[in-house]
Amino acid sequence: MLKALSKAAFDRDVGRIDVRSARMRGWTILEANYPILDVLFDHAAAAPLRLRFRCDDWDEVPPSIELLNREGHHLTTAPPNVGNVFHPGGHPSTGRPFVCMRGAREFHTHPSHTTELWDNYRGQSGMDLGGIVFQLWQAWKRSVG
């Protein structure tokens, strides 16, 4: 995919994230410069979760999503796992816990999901960057209360 088209799609999706709604949910957008979207989910009684979306070739391919602590270090264990969204086992390509949900590159490239093609979801409602962030926040929120 052409970098200019990918950047335009990234900028469009990031621009649709409502700053006020994000603040109300406890999200802090730490970086939103193509190809990186870095979001911190905060909680009064639980450890925060930081997600770094690597969106090179967005939306031809889904973003790679890294699970990080507040300081930006990779998690060695998955966050609480309601609905199996945060997979505790190491992904074959990274060896680290990963997001196991449609819309994450790690999901679509995992040997267990080779038939779950990104093209089946790309462009659907809720599968833009803001929608994927929201789905991950909901999964995390269900697990931490």
N, C-alpha and C. Protein backbone atom coordinates (compact mmCIF):
# COMPACT_ATOMS: atom_id res chain seq x y z
N MET A 1 0.85 -1.18 0.00
CA MET A 1 0.00 0.00 0.00
C MET A 1 0.90 1.24 0.00
N LEU A 2 0.48 2.25 -0.68
CA LEU A 2 1.24 3.48 -0.70
C LEU A 2 1.22 4.15 0.66
N LYS A 3 2.39 4.61 1.09
CA LYS A 3 2.51 5.22 2.41
C LYS A 3 1.57 6.41 2.57
N ALA A 4 1.40 7.21 1.52
CA ALA A 4 0.53 8.40 1.60
C ALA A 4 -0.92 7.99 1.85
N LEU A 5 -1.38 6.93 1.20
CA LEU A 5 -2.75 6.46 1.42
C LEU A 5 -2.92 5.89 2.82
N SER A 6 -1.92 5.14 3.27
CA SER A 6 -1.96 4.57 4.61
C SER A 6 -1.98 5.68 5.66
N LYS A 7 -1.15 6.69 5.49
CA LYS A 7 -1.11 7.81 6.43
C LYS A 7 -2.43 8.56 6.43
N ALA A 8 -3.03 8.75 5.26
CA ALA A 8 -4.32 9.45 5.19
C ALA A 8 -5.40 8.66 5.92
N ALA A 9 -5.42 7.34 5.77
CA ALA A 9 -6.40 6.51 6.47
C ALA A 9 -6.17 6.55 7.98
N PHE A 10 -4.91 6.51 8.38
CA PHE A 10 -4.55 6.61 9.80
C PHE A 10 -5.03 7.94 10.38
N ASP A 11 -4.68 9.04 9.70
CA ASP A 11 -5.06 10.37 10.17
C ASP A 11 -6.58 10.52 10.25
N ARG A 12 -7.28 9.97 9.28
CA ARG A 12 -8.75 10.02 9.29
C ARG A 12 -9.30 9.30 10.52
N ASP A 13 -8.82 8.10 10.78
CA ASP A 13 -9.32 7.31 11.90
C ASP A 13 -8.96 7.94 13.24
N VAL A 14 -7.74 8.41 13.38
CA VAL A 14 -7.33 9.04 14.64
C VAL A 14 -8.14 10.32 14.85
N GLY A 15 -8.40 11.05 13.79
CA GLY A 15 -9.18 12.28 13.89
C GLY A 15 -10.61 12.05 14.33
N ARG A 16 -11.11 10.84 14.16
CA ARG A 16 -12.49 10.51 14.58
C ARG A 16 -12.59 10.15 16.06
N ILE A 17 -11.47 9.96 16.73
CA ILE A 17 -11.50 9.64 18.16
C ILE A 17 -11.84 10.93 18.90
N ASP A 18 -12.97 10.91 19.58
CA ASP A 18 -13.44 12.09 20.30
C ASP A 18 -12.62 12.27 21.58
N VAL A 19 -11.93 13.39 21.67
CA VAL A 19 -11.04 13.65 22.81
C VAL A 19 -11.82 13.67 24.12
N ARG A 20 -12.98 14.27 24.12
CA ARG A 20 -13.78 14.34 25.36
C ARG A 20 -14.22 12.94 25.81
N SER A 21 -14.69 12.12 24.88
CA SER A 21 -15.09 10.75 25.23
C SER A 21 -13.89 9.95 25.73
N ALA A 22 -12.75 10.13 25.08
CA ALA A 22 -11.55 9.43 25.50
C ALA A 22 -11.19 9.80 26.94
N ARG A 23 -11.24 11.07 27.25
CA ARG A 23 -10.91 11.55 28.60
C ARG A 23 -11.88 10.96 29.61
N MET A 24 -13.17 10.92 29.28
CA MET A 24 -14.18 10.36 30.20
C MET A 24 -13.93 8.87 30.46
N ARG A 25 -13.39 8.17 29.50
CA ARG A 25 -13.11 6.73 29.66
C ARG A 25 -11.78 6.46 30.35
N GLY A 26 -11.00 7.50 30.58
CA GLY A 26 -9.70 7.31 31.20
C GLY A 26 -8.60 6.99 30.21
N TRP A 27 -8.80 7.36 28.95
CA TRP A 27 -7.78 7.14 27.93
C TRP A 27 -6.88 8.36 27.86
N THR A 28 -5.61 8.14 27.67
CA THR A 28 -4.68 9.20 27.35
C THR A 28 -3.99 8.80 26.05
N ILE A 29 -4.10 9.63 25.06
CA ILE A 29 -3.41 9.36 23.80
C ILE A 29 -2.02 9.96 23.93
N LEU A 30 -1.04 9.09 24.05
CA LEU A 30 0.34 9.50 24.28
C LEU A 30 1.03 9.89 22.99
N GLU A 31 0.65 9.24 21.90
CA GLU A 31 1.21 9.55 20.59
C GLU A 31 0.19 9.18 19.53
N ALA A 32 0.10 10.03 18.54
CA ALA A 32 -0.77 9.76 17.40
C ALA A 32 -0.11 10.35 16.16
N ASN A 33 1.05 9.82 15.85
CA ASN A 33 1.81 10.23 14.67
C ASN A 33 2.07 9.00 13.82
N TYR A 34 1.56 9.01 12.60
CA TYR A 34 1.70 7.87 11.71
C TYR A 34 3.14 7.37 11.72
N PRO A 35 3.32 6.08 11.90
CA PRO A 35 2.35 4.99 11.97
C PRO A 35 2.02 4.52 13.39
N ILE A 36 2.30 5.35 14.41
CA ILE A 36 2.13 4.93 15.81
C ILE A 36 0.91 5.62 16.45
N LEU A 37 0.07 4.80 17.07
CA LEU A 37 -0.99 5.28 17.95
C LEU A 37 -0.72 4.62 19.30
N ASP A 38 -0.43 5.43 20.31
CA ASP A 38 -0.06 4.93 21.63
C ASP A 38 -1.10 5.44 22.62
N VAL A 39 -1.82 4.50 23.25
CA VAL A 39 -2.95 4.86 24.12
C VAL A 39 -2.76 4.20 25.48
N LEU A 40 -3.01 4.99 26.53
CA LEU A 40 -2.95 4.49 27.90
C LEU A 40 -4.35 4.45 28.46
N PHE A 41 -4.75 3.29 29.00
CA PHE A 41 -6.02 3.16 29.71
C PHE A 41 -5.69 3.25 31.20
N ASP A 42 -6.31 4.19 31.88
CA ASP A 42 -6.05 4.37 33.30
C ASP A 42 -7.25 3.89 34.10
N HIS A 43 -7.01 3.54 35.35
CA HIS A 43 -8.05 3.04 36.24
C HIS A 43 -7.65 3.38 37.67
N ALA A 44 -8.62 3.74 38.48
CA ALA A 44 -8.33 4.14 39.86
C ALA A 44 -7.81 2.99 40.71
N ALA A 45 -8.26 1.76 40.44
CA ALA A 45 -7.91 0.65 41.32
C ALA A 45 -7.15 -0.49 40.64
N ALA A 46 -6.77 -0.31 39.39
CA ALA A 46 -6.06 -1.38 38.67
C ALA A 46 -4.85 -0.79 37.96
N ALA A 47 -3.91 -1.66 37.65
CA ALA A 47 -2.73 -1.22 36.90
C ALA A 47 -3.18 -0.73 35.53
N PRO A 48 -2.64 0.38 35.07
CA PRO A 48 -3.01 0.88 33.75
C PRO A 48 -2.52 -0.08 32.66
N LEU A 49 -3.11 0.05 31.51
CA LEU A 49 -2.71 -0.74 30.34
C LEU A 49 -2.40 0.23 29.22
N ARG A 50 -1.24 0.05 28.65
CA ARG A 50 -0.82 0.87 27.51
C ARG A 50 -0.76 0.00 26.27
N LEU A 51 -1.35 0.50 25.20
CA LEU A 51 -1.37 -0.22 23.93
C LEU A 51 -0.68 0.63 22.88
N ARG A 52 0.29 0.05 22.22
CA ARG A 52 0.97 0.74 21.13
C ARG A 52 0.56 0.04 19.83
N PHE A 53 -0.15 0.80 19.01
CA PHE A 53 -0.60 0.33 17.70
C PHE A 53 0.44 0.71 16.66
N ARG A 54 0.97 -0.26 15.97
CA ARG A 54 1.90 0.00 14.87
C ARG A 54 1.09 -0.18 13.58
N CYS A 55 0.83 0.93 12.94
CA CYS A 55 -0.16 0.95 11.86
C CYS A 55 0.44 1.12 10.47
N ASP A 56 1.66 0.62 10.29
CA ASP A 56 2.22 0.67 8.95
C ASP A 56 1.29 -0.12 8.02
N ASP A 57 1.04 0.41 6.86
CA ASP A 57 0.15 -0.19 5.85
C ASP A 57 -1.31 -0.25 6.30
N TRP A 58 -1.74 0.64 7.22
CA TRP A 58 -3.14 0.74 7.61
C TRP A 58 -3.91 1.24 6.41
N ASP A 59 -5.05 0.78 6.09
CA ASP A 59 -5.79 -0.32 6.64
C ASP A 59 -5.78 -1.53 5.73
N GLU A 60 -4.72 -1.59 4.91
CA GLU A 60 -4.51 -2.79 4.09
C GLU A 60 -4.25 -4.00 4.98
N VAL A 61 -3.52 -3.78 6.07
CA VAL A 61 -3.30 -4.81 7.08
C VAL A 61 -3.68 -4.22 8.43
N PRO A 62 -4.09 -5.06 9.37
CA PRO A 62 -4.47 -4.55 10.69
C PRO A 62 -3.24 -4.10 11.47
N PRO A 63 -3.46 -3.30 12.50
CA PRO A 63 -2.31 -2.84 13.29
C PRO A 63 -1.74 -3.96 14.15
N SER A 64 -0.43 -3.89 14.35
CA SER A 64 0.21 -4.73 15.35
C SER A 64 0.01 -4.00 16.67
N ILE A 65 -0.41 -4.72 17.70
CA ILE A 65 -0.73 -4.07 18.98
C ILE A 65 0.15 -4.65 20.07
N GLU A 66 0.95 -3.78 20.68
CA GLU A 66 1.84 -4.19 21.75
C GLU A 66 1.18 -3.91 23.10
N LEU A 67 1.30 -4.84 24.03
CA LEU A 67 0.80 -4.68 25.40
C LEU A 67 1.95 -4.17 26.26
N LEU A 68 1.74 -2.99 26.85
CA LEU A 68 2.81 -2.33 27.60
C LEU A 68 2.33 -1.89 28.97
N ASN A 69 3.29 -1.63 29.86
CA ASN A 69 2.94 -0.99 31.13
C ASN A 69 2.98 0.53 30.92
N ARG A 70 2.66 1.26 31.97
CA ARG A 70 2.59 2.72 31.87
C ARG A 70 3.88 3.32 31.29
N GLU A 71 5.02 2.77 31.68
CA GLU A 71 6.31 3.32 31.26
C GLU A 71 6.69 2.93 29.84
N GLY A 72 5.95 2.02 29.23
CA GLY A 72 6.23 1.63 27.85
C GLY A 72 7.04 0.36 27.70
N HIS A 73 7.16 -0.41 28.79
CA HIS A 73 7.86 -1.69 28.73
C HIS A 73 6.86 -2.80 28.39
N HIS A 74 7.29 -3.75 27.57
CA HIS A 74 6.40 -4.85 27.20
C HIS A 74 5.98 -5.65 28.42
N LEU A 75 4.70 -6.02 28.46
CA LEU A 75 4.21 -6.86 29.55
C LEU A 75 4.76 -8.27 29.39
N THR A 76 5.08 -8.87 30.50
CA THR A 76 5.55 -10.26 30.47
C THR A 76 4.40 -11.22 30.79
N THR A 77 3.31 -10.67 31.34
CA THR A 77 2.09 -11.44 31.55
C THR A 77 0.94 -10.63 30.98
N ALA A 78 -0.08 -11.31 30.54
CA ALA A 78 -1.23 -10.63 29.95
C ALA A 78 -2.06 -9.94 31.03
N PRO A 79 -2.76 -8.87 30.66
CA PRO A 79 -3.71 -8.26 31.59
C PRO A 79 -4.80 -9.27 31.94
N PRO A 80 -5.61 -8.97 32.95
CA PRO A 80 -6.75 -9.86 33.25
C PRO A 80 -7.48 -10.18 31.94
N ASN A 81 -7.99 -11.40 31.84
CA ASN A 81 -8.36 -11.93 30.54
C ASN A 81 -9.82 -12.35 30.43
N VAL A 82 -10.71 -11.40 30.53
CA VAL A 82 -12.13 -11.70 30.31
C VAL A 82 -12.34 -11.84 28.81
N GLY A 83 -12.91 -12.95 28.39
CA GLY A 83 -13.21 -13.14 26.98
C GLY A 83 -12.02 -13.53 26.14
N ASN A 84 -10.89 -13.85 26.77
CA ASN A 84 -9.70 -14.31 26.07
C ASN A 84 -9.14 -13.31 25.05
N VAL A 85 -9.38 -12.03 25.24
CA VAL A 85 -8.86 -11.02 24.32
C VAL A 85 -7.35 -10.85 24.50
N PHE A 86 -6.89 -10.93 25.74
CA PHE A 86 -5.47 -10.76 26.02
C PHE A 86 -4.86 -12.14 26.23
N HIS A 87 -4.16 -12.63 25.24
CA HIS A 87 -3.64 -14.00 25.24
C HIS A 87 -2.34 -14.05 26.03
N PRO A 88 -2.29 -14.91 27.07
CA PRO A 88 -1.11 -14.95 27.92
C PRO A 88 0.09 -15.67 27.29
N GLY A 89 -0.17 -16.54 26.32
CA GLY A 89 0.93 -17.27 25.69
C GLY A 89 1.70 -16.38 24.73
N GLY A 90 2.91 -16.75 24.46
CA GLY A 90 3.72 -15.96 23.54
C GLY A 90 3.26 -16.13 22.10
N HIS A 91 3.16 -15.03 21.39
CA HIS A 91 2.83 -15.08 19.96
C HIS A 91 4.04 -15.66 19.21
N PRO A 92 3.80 -16.50 18.20
CA PRO A 92 4.93 -17.11 17.48
C PRO A 92 5.95 -16.12 16.93
N SER A 93 5.52 -14.92 16.55
CA SER A 93 6.48 -13.98 15.96
C SER A 93 7.16 -13.08 16.99
N THR A 94 6.59 -12.92 18.20
CA THR A 94 7.18 -12.01 19.19
C THR A 94 7.59 -12.72 20.48
N GLY A 95 6.93 -13.84 20.79
CA GLY A 95 7.18 -14.52 22.05
C GLY A 95 6.53 -13.85 23.25
N ARG A 96 5.74 -12.81 23.00
CA ARG A 96 5.12 -12.04 24.09
C ARG A 96 3.61 -12.25 24.12
N PRO A 97 2.97 -11.97 25.30
CA PRO A 97 1.50 -11.95 25.34
C PRO A 97 0.99 -10.99 24.27
N PHE A 98 -0.22 -11.27 23.78
CA PHE A 98 -0.70 -10.48 22.65
C PHE A 98 -2.21 -10.32 22.67
N VAL A 99 -2.68 -9.41 21.83
CA VAL A 99 -4.12 -9.20 21.64
C VAL A 99 -4.61 -10.26 20.67
N CYS A 100 -5.54 -11.07 21.15
CA CYS A 100 -6.12 -12.15 20.34
C CYS A 100 -7.57 -11.76 20.03
N MET A 101 -7.71 -10.83 19.10
CA MET A 101 -9.03 -10.29 18.74
C MET A 101 -8.96 -9.84 17.29
N ARG A 102 -10.04 -10.07 16.58
CA ARG A 102 -10.05 -9.60 15.18
C ARG A 102 -9.72 -8.11 15.17
N GLY A 103 -8.96 -7.72 14.20
CA GLY A 103 -8.51 -6.34 14.12
C GLY A 103 -7.09 -6.13 14.61
N ALA A 104 -6.50 -7.15 15.22
CA ALA A 104 -5.10 -7.10 15.64
C ALA A 104 -4.27 -7.97 14.71
N ARG A 105 -3.17 -7.46 14.24
CA ARG A 105 -2.32 -8.22 13.32
C ARG A 105 -1.91 -9.56 13.93
N GLU A 106 -1.65 -9.56 15.23
CA GLU A 106 -1.22 -10.80 15.89
C GLU A 106 -2.31 -11.87 15.84
N PHE A 107 -3.57 -11.47 15.90
CA PHE A 107 -4.68 -12.41 15.77
C PHE A 107 -4.70 -13.00 14.36
N HIS A 108 -4.67 -12.13 13.37
CA HIS A 108 -4.83 -12.58 11.98
C HIS A 108 -3.62 -13.36 11.46
N THR A 109 -2.46 -13.22 12.12
CA THR A 109 -1.27 -13.96 11.69
C THR A 109 -0.99 -15.18 12.56
N HIS A 110 -1.80 -15.40 13.59
CA HIS A 110 -1.58 -16.55 14.47
C HIS A 110 -2.02 -17.82 13.75
N PRO A 111 -1.26 -18.91 13.89
CA PRO A 111 -1.62 -20.16 13.22
C PRO A 111 -3.04 -20.65 13.52
N SER A 112 -3.61 -20.28 14.67
CA SER A 112 -4.96 -20.71 15.02
C SER A 112 -6.04 -19.97 14.24
N HIS A 113 -5.67 -18.86 13.60
CA HIS A 113 -6.68 -18.02 12.95
C HIS A 113 -6.37 -17.75 11.49
N THR A 114 -5.73 -18.68 10.82
CA THR A 114 -5.34 -18.44 9.43
C THR A 114 -6.54 -18.25 8.50
N THR A 115 -7.70 -18.72 8.91
CA THR A 115 -8.90 -18.52 8.07
C THR A 115 -9.63 -17.22 8.39
N GLU A 116 -9.21 -16.54 9.44
CA GLU A 116 -9.83 -15.27 9.86
C GLU A 116 -9.12 -14.12 9.16
N LEU A 117 -9.39 -13.93 7.90
CA LEU A 117 -8.70 -12.92 7.11
C LEU A 117 -9.15 -11.51 7.49
N TRP A 118 -8.20 -10.59 7.55
CA TRP A 118 -8.50 -9.20 7.83
C TRP A 118 -9.49 -8.65 6.82
N ASP A 119 -9.38 -9.07 5.58
CA ASP A 119 -10.30 -8.59 4.54
C ASP A 119 -11.76 -8.88 4.86
N ASN A 120 -12.02 -9.88 5.69
CA ASN A 120 -13.40 -10.18 6.09
C ASN A 120 -13.97 -9.13 7.05
N TYR A 121 -13.11 -8.35 7.69
CA TYR A 121 -13.54 -7.38 8.70
C TYR A 121 -13.24 -5.93 8.32
N ARG A 122 -12.23 -5.75 7.52
CA ARG A 122 -11.77 -4.42 7.12
C ARG A 122 -12.93 -3.60 6.56
N GLY A 123 -13.06 -2.40 7.06
CA GLY A 123 -14.11 -1.50 6.58
C GLY A 123 -15.44 -1.66 7.28
N GLN A 124 -15.60 -2.68 8.10
CA GLN A 124 -16.85 -2.86 8.84
C GLN A 124 -16.93 -1.87 9.99
N SER A 125 -18.13 -1.60 10.42
CA SER A 125 -18.35 -0.72 11.56
C SER A 125 -17.59 -1.24 12.78
N GLY A 126 -16.89 -0.36 13.46
CA GLY A 126 -16.13 -0.74 14.65
C GLY A 126 -14.76 -1.30 14.36
N MET A 127 -14.38 -1.38 13.09
CA MET A 127 -13.07 -1.94 12.76
C MET A 127 -12.09 -0.87 12.28
N ASP A 128 -12.41 0.40 12.54
CA ASP A 128 -11.42 1.45 12.33
C ASP A 128 -10.55 1.51 13.58
N LEU A 129 -9.55 2.36 13.60
CA LEU A 129 -8.64 2.40 14.77
C LEU A 129 -9.37 2.75 16.05
N GLY A 130 -10.25 3.74 16.02
CA GLY A 130 -11.00 4.11 17.21
C GLY A 130 -11.88 2.97 17.70
N GLY A 131 -12.49 2.24 16.77
CA GLY A 131 -13.34 1.11 17.13
C GLY A 131 -12.56 -0.02 17.78
N ILE A 132 -11.35 -0.27 17.27
CA ILE A 132 -10.52 -1.32 17.84
C ILE A 132 -10.06 -0.91 19.25
N VAL A 133 -9.66 0.35 19.40
CA VAL A 133 -9.28 0.85 20.73
C VAL A 133 -10.45 0.68 21.70
N PHE A 134 -11.64 1.07 21.26
CA PHE A 134 -12.83 0.97 22.11
C PHE A 134 -13.11 -0.48 22.51
N GLN A 135 -13.02 -1.42 21.58
CA GLN A 135 -13.26 -2.82 21.90
C GLN A 135 -12.25 -3.34 22.93
N LEU A 136 -11.00 -2.95 22.77
CA LEU A 136 -9.98 -3.38 23.73
C LEU A 136 -10.19 -2.75 25.10
N TRP A 137 -10.60 -1.49 25.12
CA TRP A 137 -10.90 -0.83 26.39
C TRP A 137 -12.06 -1.54 27.09
N GLN A 138 -13.11 -1.89 26.33
CA GLN A 138 -14.25 -2.59 26.93
C GLN A 138 -13.81 -3.93 27.53
N ALA A 139 -12.98 -4.68 26.80
CA ALA A 139 -12.52 -5.99 27.30
C ALA A 139 -11.69 -5.79 28.57
N TRP A 140 -10.81 -4.82 28.56
CA TRP A 140 -9.98 -4.55 29.72
C TRP A 140 -10.84 -4.07 30.90
N LYS A 141 -11.78 -3.19 30.63
CA LYS A 141 -12.66 -2.63 31.67
C LYS A 141 -13.49 -3.74 32.32
N ARG A 142 -14.00 -4.68 31.53
CA ARG A 142 -14.77 -5.81 32.09
C ARG A 142 -13.92 -6.61 33.07
N SER A 143 -12.64 -6.71 32.78
CA SER A 143 -11.78 -7.55 33.62
C SER A 143 -11.30 -6.83 34.88
N VAL A 144 -11.15 -5.50 34.83
CA VAL A 144 -10.63 -4.79 36.00
C VAL A 144 -11.73 -4.08 36.79
N GLY A 145 -12.92 -4.06 36.25
CA GLY A 145 -14.06 -3.45 36.96
C GLY A 145 -14.26 -2.00 36.70
